């Protein structure tokens, strides 16, 4: 199944408390439960003003539906074409 990176512009994301992040995570998981097993949240990176999320889903529409149902911004949804790391150079 395809993997996607979602860019969510959230002003002050890096200053969110652990309580706030827990609430966001719980909301996301609740929406995922409603959607069934077709969409999987892998993990997210929180930066100063954005959250970058990695999802596995059958298509971009499923990822957008998760964002819509959760009330999360999805400013950009990009399909991952390849994954590289330092071992790629070997």
PDB file of N, CA and C in Angstrom:
ATOM      1  N   UNK A   1       0.843  -1.172   0.000  1.00  0.00           N
ATOM      2  CA  UNK A   1       0.000   0.000   0.000  1.00  0.00           C
ATOM      3  C   UNK A   1       0.895   1.244   0.000  1.00  0.00           C
ATOM      4  N   UNK A   2       0.467   2.312  -0.651  1.00  0.00           N
ATOM      5  CA  UNK A   2       1.282   3.535  -0.720  1.00  0.00           C
ATOM      6  C   UNK A   2       1.498   4.185   0.645  1.00  0.00           C
ATOM      7  N   UNK A   3       2.592   4.903   0.741  1.00  0.00           N
ATOM      8  CA  UNK A   3       2.928   5.675   1.936  1.00  0.00           C
ATOM      9  C   UNK A   3       2.844   7.150   1.553  1.00  0.00           C
ATOM     10  N   UNK A   4       2.360   7.979   2.472  1.00  0.00           N
ATOM     11  CA  UNK A   4       2.190   9.407   2.205  1.00  0.00           C
ATOM     12  C   UNK A   4       2.817  10.237   3.317  1.00  0.00           C
ATOM     13  N   UNK A   5       3.305  11.422   2.939  1.00  0.00           N
ATOM     14  CA  UNK A   5       3.755  12.423   3.895  1.00  0.00           C
ATOM     15  C   UNK A   5       2.765  13.575   3.822  1.00  0.00           C
ATOM     16  N   UNK A   6       2.217  13.931   4.974  1.00  0.00           N
ATOM     17  CA  UNK A   6       1.231  15.006   5.053  1.00  0.00           C
ATOM     18  C   UNK A   6       1.874  16.172   5.801  1.00  0.00           C
ATOM     19  N   UNK A   7       1.805  17.340   5.200  1.00  0.00           N
ATOM     20  CA  UNK A   7       2.310  18.560   5.830  1.00  0.00           C
ATOM     21  C   UNK A   7       1.117  19.313   6.404  1.00  0.00           C
ATOM     22  N   UNK A   8       1.144  19.518   7.709  1.00  0.00           N
ATOM     23  CA  UNK A   8       0.059  20.231   8.385  1.00  0.00           C
ATOM     24  C   UNK A   8       0.621  21.528   8.969  1.00  0.00           C
ATOM     25  N   UNK A   9       0.162  22.646   8.463  1.00  0.00           N
ATOM     26  CA  UNK A   9       0.609  23.943   8.977  1.00  0.00           C
ATOM     27  C   UNK A   9      -0.199  24.267  10.227  1.00  0.00           C
ATOM     28  N   UNK A  10       0.486  24.282  11.365  1.00  0.00           N
ATOM     29  CA  UNK A  10      -0.149  24.566  12.649  1.00  0.00           C
ATOM     30  C   UNK A  10       0.744  25.555  13.388  1.00  0.00           C
ATOM     31  N   UNK A  11       0.327  26.799  13.421  1.00  0.00           N
ATOM     32  CA  UNK A  11       1.108  27.851  14.061  1.00  0.00           C
ATOM     33  C   UNK A  11       1.404  27.462  15.512  1.00  0.00           C
ATOM     34  N   UNK A  12       2.666  27.506  15.891  1.00  0.00           N
ATOM     35  CA  UNK A  12       3.068  27.191  17.253  1.00  0.00           C
ATOM     36  C   UNK A  12       3.075  25.715  17.600  1.00  0.00           C
ATOM     37  N   UNK A  13       3.085  24.864  16.596  1.00  0.00           N
ATOM     38  CA  UNK A  13       3.050  23.419  16.845  1.00  0.00           C
ATOM     39  C   UNK A  13       4.163  22.975  17.786  1.00  0.00           C
ATOM     40  N   UNK A  14       5.335  23.537  17.634  1.00  0.00           N
ATOM     41  CA  UNK A  14       6.467  23.157  18.459  1.00  0.00           C
ATOM     42  C   UNK A  14       6.322  23.539  19.921  1.00  0.00           C
ATOM     43  N   UNK A  15       5.363  24.394  20.217  1.00  0.00           N
ATOM     44  CA  UNK A  15       5.130  24.821  21.600  1.00  0.00           C
ATOM     45  C   UNK A  15       3.946  24.099  22.238  1.00  0.00           C
ATOM     46  N   UNK A  16       3.332  23.169  21.493  1.00  0.00           N
ATOM     47  CA  UNK A  16       2.213  22.423  22.063  1.00  0.00           C
ATOM     48  C   UNK A  16       2.704  21.571  23.230  1.00  0.00           C
ATOM     49  N   UNK A  17       1.907  21.506  24.261  1.00  0.00           N
ATOM     50  CA  UNK A  17       2.284  20.719  25.435  1.00  0.00           C
ATOM     51  C   UNK A  17       2.102  19.229  25.152  1.00  0.00           C
ATOM     52  N   UNK A  18       2.664  18.404  25.996  1.00  0.00           N
ATOM     53  CA  UNK A  18       2.474  16.959  25.842  1.00  0.00           C
ATOM     54  C   UNK A  18       0.994  16.612  25.986  1.00  0.00           C
ATOM     55  N   UNK A  19       0.281  17.356  26.808  1.00  0.00           N
ATOM     56  CA  UNK A  19      -1.170  17.159  26.954  1.00  0.00           C
ATOM     57  C   UNK A  19      -1.891  17.451  25.636  1.00  0.00           C
ATOM     58  N   UNK A  20      -1.517  18.558  24.980  1.00  0.00           N
ATOM     59  CA  UNK A  20      -2.117  18.926  23.693  1.00  0.00           C
ATOM     60  C   UNK A  20      -1.804  17.876  22.627  1.00  0.00           C
ATOM     61  N   UNK A  21      -0.552  17.430  22.586  1.00  0.00           N
ATOM     62  CA  UNK A  21      -0.158  16.425  21.595  1.00  0.00           C
ATOM     63  C   UNK A  21      -0.874  15.109  21.840  1.00  0.00           C
ATOM     64  N   UNK A  22      -1.075  14.769  23.096  1.00  0.00           N
ATOM     65  CA  UNK A  22      -1.833  13.557  23.425  1.00  0.00           C
ATOM     66  C   UNK A  22      -3.260  13.680  22.913  1.00  0.00           C
ATOM     67  N   UNK A  23      -3.875  14.839  23.100  1.00  0.00           N
ATOM     68  CA  UNK A  23      -5.240  15.054  22.627  1.00  0.00           C
ATOM     69  C   UNK A  23      -5.346  14.954  21.115  1.00  0.00           C
ATOM     70  N   UNK A  24      -4.380  15.533  20.408  1.00  0.00           N
ATOM     71  CA  UNK A  24      -4.356  15.449  18.946  1.00  0.00           C
ATOM     72  C   UNK A  24      -4.198  13.997  18.510  1.00  0.00           C
ATOM     73  N   UNK A  25      -3.313  13.283  19.188  1.00  0.00           N
ATOM     74  CA  UNK A  25      -3.078  11.874  18.859  1.00  0.00           C
ATOM     75  C   UNK A  25      -4.325  11.037  19.101  1.00  0.00           C
ATOM     76  N   UNK A  26      -5.005  11.288  20.206  1.00  0.00           N
ATOM     77  CA  UNK A  26      -6.227  10.545  20.513  1.00  0.00           C
ATOM     78  C   UNK A  26      -7.306  10.814  19.471  1.00  0.00           C
ATOM     79  N   UNK A  27      -7.449  12.073  19.060  1.00  0.00           N
ATOM     80  CA  UNK A  27      -8.433  12.421  18.031  1.00  0.00           C
ATOM     81  C   UNK A  27      -8.108  11.690  16.730  1.00  0.00           C
ATOM     82  N   UNK A  28      -6.837  11.691  16.343  1.00  0.00           N
ATOM     83  CA  UNK A  28      -6.418  11.016  15.120  1.00  0.00           C
ATOM     84  C   UNK A  28      -6.734   9.522  15.190  1.00  0.00           C
ATOM     85  N   UNK A  29      -6.413   8.904  16.315  1.00  0.00           N
ATOM     86  CA  UNK A  29      -6.668   7.465  16.471  1.00  0.00           C
ATOM     87  C   UNK A  29      -8.157   7.149  16.454  1.00  0.00           C
ATOM     88  N   UNK A  30      -8.974   8.020  17.033  1.00  0.00           N
ATOM     89  CA  UNK A  30     -10.424   7.818  17.000  1.00  0.00           C
ATOM     90  C   UNK A  30     -10.955   7.851  15.568  1.00  0.00           C
ATOM     91  N   UNK A  31     -10.460   8.792  14.785  1.00  0.00           N
ATOM     92  CA  UNK A  31     -10.864   8.888  13.378  1.00  0.00           C
ATOM     93  C   UNK A  31     -10.382   7.653  12.612  1.00  0.00           C
ATOM     94  N   UNK A  32      -9.165   7.220  12.884  1.00  0.00           N
ATOM     95  CA  UNK A  32      -8.647   6.015  12.225  1.00  0.00           C
ATOM     96  C   UNK A  32      -9.525   4.809  12.548  1.00  0.00           C
ATOM     97  N   UNK A  33      -9.983   4.701  13.789  1.00  0.00           N
ATOM     98  CA  UNK A  33     -10.888   3.605  14.157  1.00  0.00           C
ATOM     99  C   UNK A  33     -12.172   3.658  13.337  1.00  0.00           C
ATOM    100  N   UNK A  34     -12.699   4.865  13.131  1.00  0.00           N
ATOM    101  CA  UNK A  34     -13.909   5.028  12.325  1.00  0.00           C
ATOM    102  C   UNK A  34     -13.675   4.631  10.869  1.00  0.00           C
ATOM    103  N   UNK A  35     -12.483   4.914  10.358  1.00  0.00           N
ATOM    104  CA  UNK A  35     -12.165   4.614   8.956  1.00  0.00           C
ATOM    105  C   UNK A  35     -11.878   3.133   8.729  1.00  0.00           C
ATOM    106  N   UNK A  36     -11.550   2.406   9.789  1.00  0.00           N
ATOM    107  CA  UNK A  36     -11.205   0.998   9.635  1.00  0.00           C
ATOM    108  C   UNK A  36      -9.710   0.838   9.415  1.00  0.00           C
ATOM    109  N   UNK A  37      -9.316  -0.356   9.014  1.00  0.00           N
ATOM    110  CA  UNK A  37      -7.886  -0.680   8.939  1.00  0.00           C
ATOM    111  C   UNK A  37      -7.210  -0.262   7.640  1.00  0.00           C
ATOM    112  N   UNK A  38      -7.899   0.422   6.764  1.00  0.00           N
ATOM    113  CA  UNK A  38      -7.293   0.800   5.486  1.00  0.00           C
ATOM    114  C   UNK A  38      -6.276   1.928   5.607  1.00  0.00           C
ATOM    115  N   UNK A  39      -6.400   2.754   6.632  1.00  0.00           N
ATOM    116  CA  UNK A  39      -5.501   3.893   6.819  1.00  0.00           C
ATOM    117  C   UNK A  39      -4.728   3.684   8.109  1.00  0.00           C
ATOM    118  N   UNK A  40      -3.397   3.831   8.034  1.00  0.00           N
ATOM    119  CA  UNK A  40      -2.540   3.621   9.200  1.00  0.00           C
ATOM    120  C   UNK A  40      -1.628   4.822   9.390  1.00  0.00           C
ATOM    121  N   UNK A  41      -1.606   5.358  10.604  1.00  0.00           N
ATOM    122  CA  UNK A  41      -0.703   6.435  10.970  1.00  0.00           C
ATOM    123  C   UNK A  41       0.595   5.793  11.438  1.00  0.00           C
ATOM    124  N   UNK A  42       1.709   6.142  10.817  1.00  0.00           N
ATOM    125  CA  UNK A  42       3.004   5.559  11.178  1.00  0.00           C
ATOM    126  C   UNK A  42       3.648   6.386  12.291  1.00  0.00           C
ATOM    127  N   UNK A  43       3.862   7.664  12.055  1.00  0.00           N
ATOM    128  CA  UNK A  43       4.407   8.581  13.051  1.00  0.00           C
ATOM    129  C   UNK A  43       4.355   9.999  12.498  1.00  0.00           C
ATOM    130  N   UNK A  44       4.701  10.957  13.350  1.00  0.00           N
ATOM    131  CA  UNK A  44       4.705  12.367  12.951  1.00  0.00           C
ATOM    132  C   UNK A  44       5.920  13.074  13.525  1.00  0.00           C
ATOM    133  N   UNK A  45       6.331  14.135  12.836  1.00  0.00           N
ATOM    134  CA  UNK A  45       7.425  14.995  13.271  1.00  0.00           C
ATOM    135  C   UNK A  45       6.834  16.373  13.558  1.00  0.00           C
ATOM    136  N   UNK A  46       7.061  16.881  14.760  1.00  0.00           N
ATOM    137  CA  UNK A  46       6.556  18.193  15.144  1.00  0.00           C
ATOM    138  C   UNK A  46       7.702  19.188  15.035  1.00  0.00           C
ATOM    139  N   UNK A  47       7.502  20.238  14.250  1.00  0.00           N
ATOM    140  CA  UNK A  47       8.478  21.316  14.124  1.00  0.00           C
ATOM    141  C   UNK A  47       7.848  22.597  14.674  1.00  0.00           C
ATOM    142  N   UNK A  48       8.518  23.712  14.519  1.00  0.00           N
ATOM    143  CA  UNK A  48       8.010  24.952  15.108  1.00  0.00           C
ATOM    144  C   UNK A  48       6.568  25.267  14.705  1.00  0.00           C
ATOM    145  N   UNK A  49       6.272  25.229  13.405  1.00  0.00           N
ATOM    146  CA  UNK A  49       4.958  25.644  12.921  1.00  0.00           C
ATOM    147  C   UNK A  49       4.294  24.632  11.994  1.00  0.00           C
ATOM    148  N   UNK A  50       4.789  23.406  11.997  1.00  0.00           N
ATOM    149  CA  UNK A  50       4.207  22.371  11.136  1.00  0.00           C
ATOM    150  C   UNK A  50       4.317  21.020  11.816  1.00  0.00           C
ATOM    151  N   UNK A  51       3.440  20.130  11.417  1.00  0.00           N
ATOM    152  CA  UNK A  51       3.544  18.729  11.799  1.00  0.00           C
ATOM    153  C   UNK A  51       3.571  17.936  10.501  1.00  0.00           C
ATOM    154  N   UNK A  52       4.579  17.087  10.354  1.00  0.00           N
ATOM    155  CA  UNK A  52       4.721  16.226   9.184  1.00  0.00           C
ATOM    156  C   UNK A  52       4.344  14.814   9.611  1.00  0.00           C
ATOM    157  N   UNK A  53       3.331  14.268   8.981  1.00  0.00           N
ATOM    158  CA  UNK A  53       2.810  12.956   9.348  1.00  0.00           C
ATOM    159  C   UNK A  53       3.075  11.954   8.235  1.00  0.00           C
ATOM    160  N   UNK A  54       3.379  10.729   8.629  1.00  0.00           N
ATOM    161  CA  UNK A  54       3.577   9.646   7.675  1.00  0.00           C
ATOM    162  C   UNK A  54       2.414   8.670   7.840  1.00  0.00           C
ATOM    163  N   UNK A  55       1.744   8.395   6.737  1.00  0.00           N
ATOM    164  CA  UNK A  55       0.588   7.495   6.737  1.00  0.00           C
ATOM    165  C   UNK A  55       0.746   6.445   5.651  1.00  0.00           C
ATOM    166  N   UNK A  56       0.153   5.300   5.890  1.00  0.00           N
ATOM    167  CA  UNK A  56       0.004   4.266   4.871  1.00  0.00           C
ATOM    168  C   UNK A  56      -1.489   4.204   4.568  1.00  0.00           C
ATOM    169  N   UNK A  57      -1.833   4.314   3.287  1.00  0.00           N
ATOM    170  CA  UNK A  57      -3.247   4.355   2.906  1.00  0.00           C
ATOM    171  C   UNK A  57      -3.399   3.899   1.460  1.00  0.00           C
ATOM    172  N   UNK A  58      -4.597   3.460   1.099  1.00  0.00           N
ATOM    173  CA  UNK A  58      -4.799   2.989  -0.275  1.00  0.00           C
ATOM    174  C   UNK A  58      -4.713   4.099  -1.319  1.00  0.00           C
ATOM    175  N   UNK A  59      -5.034   5.342  -0.906  1.00  0.00           N
ATOM    176  CA  UNK A  59      -5.017   6.449  -1.865  1.00  0.00           C
ATOM    177  C   UNK A  59      -5.037   7.776  -1.121  1.00  0.00           C
ATOM    178  N   UNK A  60      -4.778   8.839  -1.856  1.00  0.00           N
ATOM    179  CA  UNK A  60      -4.712  10.177  -1.272  1.00  0.00           C
ATOM    180  C   UNK A  60      -6.077  10.610  -0.726  1.00  0.00           C
ATOM    181  N   UNK A  61      -7.157  10.147  -1.333  1.00  0.00           N
ATOM    182  CA  UNK A  61      -8.496  10.513  -0.854  1.00  0.00           C
ATOM    183  C   UNK A  61      -8.750   9.995   0.557  1.00  0.00           C
ATOM    184  N   UNK A  62      -8.221   8.824   0.873  1.00  0.00           N
ATOM    185  CA  UNK A  62      -8.368   8.266   2.222  1.00  0.00           C
ATOM    186  C   UNK A  62      -7.628   9.119   3.244  1.00  0.00           C
ATOM    187  N   UNK A  63      -6.466   9.612   2.871  1.00  0.00           N
ATOM    188  CA  UNK A  63      -5.689  10.477   3.758  1.00  0.00           C
ATOM    189  C   UNK A  63      -6.425  11.798   3.966  1.00  0.00           C
ATOM    190  N   UNK A  64      -6.970  12.345   2.893  1.00  0.00           N
ATOM    191  CA  UNK A  64      -7.715  13.600   2.992  1.00  0.00           C
ATOM    192  C   UNK A  64      -8.976  13.425   3.829  1.00  0.00           C
ATOM    193  N   UNK A  65      -9.634  12.287   3.697  1.00  0.00           N
ATOM    194  CA  UNK A  65     -10.842  12.015   4.490  1.00  0.00           C
ATOM    195  C   UNK A  65     -10.508  11.997   5.976  1.00  0.00           C
ATOM    196  N   UNK A  66      -9.378  11.391   6.344  1.00  0.00           N
ATOM    197  CA  UNK A  66      -8.943  11.383   7.741  1.00  0.00           C
ATOM    198  C   UNK A  66      -8.773  12.811   8.245  1.00  0.00           C
ATOM    199  N   UNK A  67      -8.113  13.652   7.444  1.00  0.00           N
ATOM    200  CA  UNK A  67      -7.904  15.052   7.834  1.00  0.00           C
ATOM    201  C   UNK A  67      -9.238  15.778   7.990  1.00  0.00           C
ATOM    202  N   UNK A  68     -10.141  15.570   7.046  1.00  0.00           N
ATOM    203  CA  UNK A  68     -11.447  16.235   7.089  1.00  0.00           C
ATOM    204  C   UNK A  68     -12.244  15.809   8.315  1.00  0.00           C
ATOM    205  N   UNK A  69     -12.275  14.510   8.567  1.00  0.00           N
ATOM    206  CA  UNK A  69     -13.043  13.994   9.705  1.00  0.00           C
ATOM    207  C   UNK A  69     -12.461  14.449  11.038  1.00  0.00           C
ATOM    208  N   UNK A  70     -11.147  14.592  11.110  1.00  0.00           N
ATOM    209  CA  UNK A  70     -10.496  14.991  12.350  1.00  0.00           C
ATOM    210  C   UNK A  70     -10.390  16.484  12.537  1.00  0.00           C
ATOM    211  N   UNK A  71     -10.676  17.239  11.476  1.00  0.00           N
ATOM    212  CA  UNK A  71     -10.526  18.685  11.555  1.00  0.00           C
ATOM    213  C   UNK A  71      -9.073  19.118  11.526  1.00  0.00           C
ATOM    214  N   UNK A  72      -8.214  18.260  10.940  1.00  0.00           N
ATOM    215  CA  UNK A  72      -6.792  18.561  10.843  1.00  0.00           C
ATOM    216  C   UNK A  72      -6.490  19.217   9.505  1.00  0.00           C
ATOM    217  N   UNK A  73      -5.577  20.199   9.461  1.00  0.00           N
ATOM    218  CA  UNK A  73      -5.170  20.715   8.159  1.00  0.00           C
ATOM    219  C   UNK A  73      -4.352  19.661   7.414  1.00  0.00           C
ATOM    220  N   UNK A  74      -4.469  19.662   6.116  1.00  0.00           N
ATOM    221  CA  UNK A  74      -3.630  18.812   5.256  1.00  0.00           C
ATOM    222  C   UNK A  74      -3.206  19.702   4.101  1.00  0.00           C
ATOM    223  N   UNK A  75      -2.230  20.579   4.375  1.00  0.00           N
ATOM    224  CA  UNK A  75      -1.806  21.563   3.396  1.00  0.00           C
ATOM    225  C   UNK A  75      -1.131  20.947   2.189  1.00  0.00           C
ATOM    226  N   UNK A  76      -0.531  19.776   2.405  1.00  0.00           N
ATOM    227  CA  UNK A  76       0.132  19.067   1.317  1.00  0.00           C
ATOM    228  C   UNK A  76       0.103  17.580   1.639  1.00  0.00           C
ATOM    229  N   UNK A  77      -0.261  16.774   0.640  1.00  0.00           N
ATOM    230  CA  UNK A  77      -0.227  15.317   0.771  1.00  0.00           C
ATOM    231  C   UNK A  77       0.592  14.804  -0.407  1.00  0.00           C
ATOM    232  N   UNK A  78       1.714  14.161  -0.098  1.00  0.00           N
ATOM    233  CA  UNK A  78       2.618  13.679  -1.141  1.00  0.00           C
ATOM    234  C   UNK A  78       2.854  12.186  -0.982  1.00  0.00           C
ATOM    235  N   UNK A  79       2.752  11.464  -2.089  1.00  0.00           N
ATOM    236  CA  UNK A  79       3.038  10.039  -2.059  1.00  0.00           C
ATOM    237  C   UNK A  79       4.545   9.819  -2.034  1.00  0.00           C
ATOM    238  N   UNK A  80       4.995   8.943  -1.163  1.00  0.00           N
ATOM    239  CA  UNK A  80       6.413   8.601  -1.073  1.00  0.00           C
ATOM    240  C   UNK A  80       6.738   7.658  -2.223  1.00  0.00           C
ATOM    241  N   UNK A  81       7.710   8.004  -3.024  1.00  0.00           N
ATOM    242  CA  UNK A  81       8.113   7.185  -4.176  1.00  0.00           C
ATOM    243  C   UNK A  81       9.274   6.268  -3.842  1.00  0.00           C
ATOM    244  N   UNK A  82      10.177   6.739  -2.974  1.00  0.00           N
ATOM    245  CA  UNK A  82      11.337   5.947  -2.551  1.00  0.00           C
ATOM    246  C   UNK A  82      11.746   6.407  -1.166  1.00  0.00           C
ATOM    247  N   UNK A  83      12.439   5.541  -0.467  1.00  0.00           N
ATOM    248  CA  UNK A  83      13.014   5.886   0.830  1.00  0.00           C
ATOM    249  C   UNK A  83      14.514   5.625   0.724  1.00  0.00           C
ATOM    250  N   UNK A  84      15.280   6.643   1.097  1.00  0.00           N
ATOM    251  CA  UNK A  84      16.741   6.489   1.091  1.00  0.00           C
ATOM    252  C   UNK A  84      17.287   6.826   2.457  1.00  0.00           C
ATOM    253  N   UNK A  85      18.464   6.314   2.752  1.00  0.00           N
ATOM    254  CA  UNK A  85      19.170   6.617   3.980  1.00  0.00           C
ATOM    255  C   UNK A  85      20.653   6.391   3.719  1.00  0.00           C
ATOM    256  N   UNK A  86      21.509   6.530   4.706  1.00  0.00           N
ATOM    257  CA  UNK A  86      22.941   6.377   4.450  1.00  0.00           C
ATOM    258  C   UNK A  86      23.315   5.030   3.832  1.00  0.00           C
ATOM    259  N   UNK A  87      22.554   3.987   4.109  1.00  0.00           N
ATOM    260  CA  UNK A  87      22.888   2.683   3.524  1.00  0.00           C
ATOM    261  C   UNK A  87      22.632   2.633   2.024  1.00  0.00           C
ATOM    262  N   UNK A  88      21.860   3.578   1.503  1.00  0.00           N
ATOM    263  CA  UNK A  88      21.613   3.649   0.065  1.00  0.00           C
ATOM    264  C   UNK A  88      22.917   3.895  -0.701  1.00  0.00           C
ATOM    265  N   UNK A  89      23.876   4.545  -0.066  1.00  0.00           N
ATOM    266  CA  UNK A  89      25.145   4.863  -0.722  1.00  0.00           C
ATOM    267  C   UNK A  89      26.088   3.676  -0.825  1.00  0.00           C
ATOM    268  N   UNK A  90      25.752   2.612  -0.148  1.00  0.00           N
ATOM    269  CA  UNK A  90      26.661   1.449  -0.137  1.00  0.00           C
ATOM    270  C   UNK A  90      26.513   0.591  -1.380  1.00  0.00           C
TER     271      UNK A  90
END
